[in-house]
């Protein structure tokens, strides 16, 4: 289970410039999951693919998330 996998892990705070609740949620999920695909984000967060892509595009443009071969991950 994901909650057990990351139990006790300290997360970095959500970037200050993220104002959208969806953007914060997607960012936190990707951080907790240590990366995710569009499909995983949509399934876990019950979001439509078009909405996931929009949020991820904004997060990538802001430099908070990066697109990788296997999906998306929090930028270092």
C-alpha atoms as a PDB file:
ATOM      1  CA  UNK A   1       0.000   0.000   0.000  1.00  0.00           C
ATOM      2  CA  UNK A   2       1.237   3.472  -0.845  1.00  0.00           C
ATOM      3  CA  UNK A   3       0.516   4.823   2.631  1.00  0.00           C
ATOM      4  CA  UNK A   4       2.732   2.175   4.196  1.00  0.00           C
ATOM      5  CA  UNK A   5       5.453   2.575   1.591  1.00  0.00           C
ATOM      6  CA  UNK A   6       5.950   6.226   2.470  1.00  0.00           C
ATOM      7  CA  UNK A   7       5.144   6.057   6.147  1.00  0.00           C
ATOM      8  CA  UNK A   8       7.509   8.315   8.025  1.00  0.00           C
ATOM      9  CA  UNK A   9       8.854   9.982   4.882  1.00  0.00           C
ATOM     10  CA  UNK A  10       9.247  13.733   5.183  1.00  0.00           C
ATOM     11  CA  UNK A  11       7.891  15.663   2.226  1.00  0.00           C
ATOM     12  CA  UNK A  12       9.084  19.035   1.044  1.00  0.00           C
ATOM     13  CA  UNK A  13       6.505  21.782   1.385  1.00  0.00           C
ATOM     14  CA  UNK A  14       4.279  22.512  -1.593  1.00  0.00           C
ATOM     15  CA  UNK A  15       5.789  25.345  -3.658  1.00  0.00           C
ATOM     16  CA  UNK A  16       4.417  28.741  -2.589  1.00  0.00           C
ATOM     17  CA  UNK A  17       3.329  29.728  -6.090  1.00  0.00           C
ATOM     18  CA  UNK A  18       0.867  26.825  -6.414  1.00  0.00           C
ATOM     19  CA  UNK A  19      -2.531  28.364  -5.769  1.00  0.00           C
ATOM     20  CA  UNK A  20      -4.828  25.774  -7.368  1.00  0.00           C
ATOM     21  CA  UNK A  21      -6.035  22.990  -5.103  1.00  0.00           C
ATOM     22  CA  UNK A  22      -5.772  20.570  -8.046  1.00  0.00           C
ATOM     23  CA  UNK A  23      -2.183  21.576  -8.750  1.00  0.00           C
ATOM     24  CA  UNK A  24      -1.264  21.053  -5.091  1.00  0.00           C
ATOM     25  CA  UNK A  25      -2.994  17.677  -5.043  1.00  0.00           C
ATOM     26  CA  UNK A  26      -1.311  16.476  -8.242  1.00  0.00           C
ATOM     27  CA  UNK A  27       2.076  17.763  -7.036  1.00  0.00           C
ATOM     28  CA  UNK A  28       1.726  16.001  -3.681  1.00  0.00           C
ATOM     29  CA  UNK A  29       0.603  12.746  -5.283  1.00  0.00           C
ATOM     30  CA  UNK A  30       3.519  12.724  -7.713  1.00  0.00           C
ATOM     31  CA  UNK A  31       5.915  13.447  -4.858  1.00  0.00           C
ATOM     32  CA  UNK A  32       4.435  10.723  -2.633  1.00  0.00           C
ATOM     33  CA  UNK A  33       4.376   8.177  -5.460  1.00  0.00           C
ATOM     34  CA  UNK A  34       7.910   9.138  -6.493  1.00  0.00           C
ATOM     35  CA  UNK A  35       6.631   9.686 -10.022  1.00  0.00           C
ATOM     36  CA  UNK A  36       3.468   8.786 -11.900  1.00  0.00           C
ATOM     37  CA  UNK A  37       1.917   8.543 -15.333  1.00  0.00           C
ATOM     38  CA  UNK A  38      -1.023  10.640 -16.507  1.00  0.00           C
ATOM     39  CA  UNK A  39      -3.230   7.565 -16.213  1.00  0.00           C
ATOM     40  CA  UNK A  40      -2.132   6.845 -12.623  1.00  0.00           C
ATOM     41  CA  UNK A  41      -2.755  10.430 -11.534  1.00  0.00           C
ATOM     42  CA  UNK A  42      -6.188  10.409 -13.164  1.00  0.00           C
ATOM     43  CA  UNK A  43      -7.185   7.087 -11.645  1.00  0.00           C
ATOM     44  CA  UNK A  44      -5.964   7.769  -8.119  1.00  0.00           C
ATOM     45  CA  UNK A  45      -7.241  11.352  -7.954  1.00  0.00           C
ATOM     46  CA  UNK A  46     -10.448  10.678  -9.930  1.00  0.00           C
ATOM     47  CA  UNK A  47      -9.616  13.331 -12.511  1.00  0.00           C
ATOM     48  CA  UNK A  48     -10.308  13.352 -16.241  1.00  0.00           C
ATOM     49  CA  UNK A  49      -7.247  12.937 -18.451  1.00  0.00           C
ATOM     50  CA  UNK A  50      -7.697  16.397 -20.008  1.00  0.00           C
ATOM     51  CA  UNK A  51      -7.639  17.973 -16.532  1.00  0.00           C
ATOM     52  CA  UNK A  52      -4.587  15.972 -15.477  1.00  0.00           C
ATOM     53  CA  UNK A  53      -2.748  17.031 -18.631  1.00  0.00           C
ATOM     54  CA  UNK A  54      -3.648  20.678 -18.034  1.00  0.00           C
ATOM     55  CA  UNK A  55      -2.401  20.624 -14.447  1.00  0.00           C
ATOM     56  CA  UNK A  56       0.770  18.732 -15.374  1.00  0.00           C
ATOM     57  CA  UNK A  57       1.453  21.213 -18.178  1.00  0.00           C
ATOM     58  CA  UNK A  58       1.230  24.077 -15.687  1.00  0.00           C
ATOM     59  CA  UNK A  59       3.469  22.280 -13.201  1.00  0.00           C
ATOM     60  CA  UNK A  60       6.042  21.554 -15.917  1.00  0.00           C
ATOM     61  CA  UNK A  61       5.947  25.166 -17.178  1.00  0.00           C
ATOM     62  CA  UNK A  62       6.514  26.409 -13.616  1.00  0.00           C
ATOM     63  CA  UNK A  63       9.481  24.032 -13.200  1.00  0.00           C
ATOM     64  CA  UNK A  64       7.954  22.019 -10.344  1.00  0.00           C
ATOM     65  CA  UNK A  65       7.481  18.779 -12.258  1.00  0.00           C
ATOM     66  CA  UNK A  66       9.428  17.283 -15.138  1.00  0.00           C
ATOM     67  CA  UNK A  67       8.310  14.900 -17.845  1.00  0.00           C
ATOM     68  CA  UNK A  68      10.350  11.738 -17.989  1.00  0.00           C
ATOM     69  CA  UNK A  69      10.257   8.685 -20.201  1.00  0.00           C
ATOM     70  CA  UNK A  70       8.199   6.766 -17.638  1.00  0.00           C
ATOM     71  CA  UNK A  71       5.857   9.610 -16.646  1.00  0.00           C
ATOM     72  CA  UNK A  72       6.179  12.698 -14.477  1.00  0.00           C
ATOM     73  CA  UNK A  73       8.300  13.352 -11.392  1.00  0.00           C
ATOM     74  CA  UNK A  74       8.888  16.238  -9.028  1.00  0.00           C
ATOM     75  CA  UNK A  75      11.770  18.347 -10.333  1.00  0.00           C
ATOM     76  CA  UNK A  76      14.858  18.434  -8.150  1.00  0.00           C
END
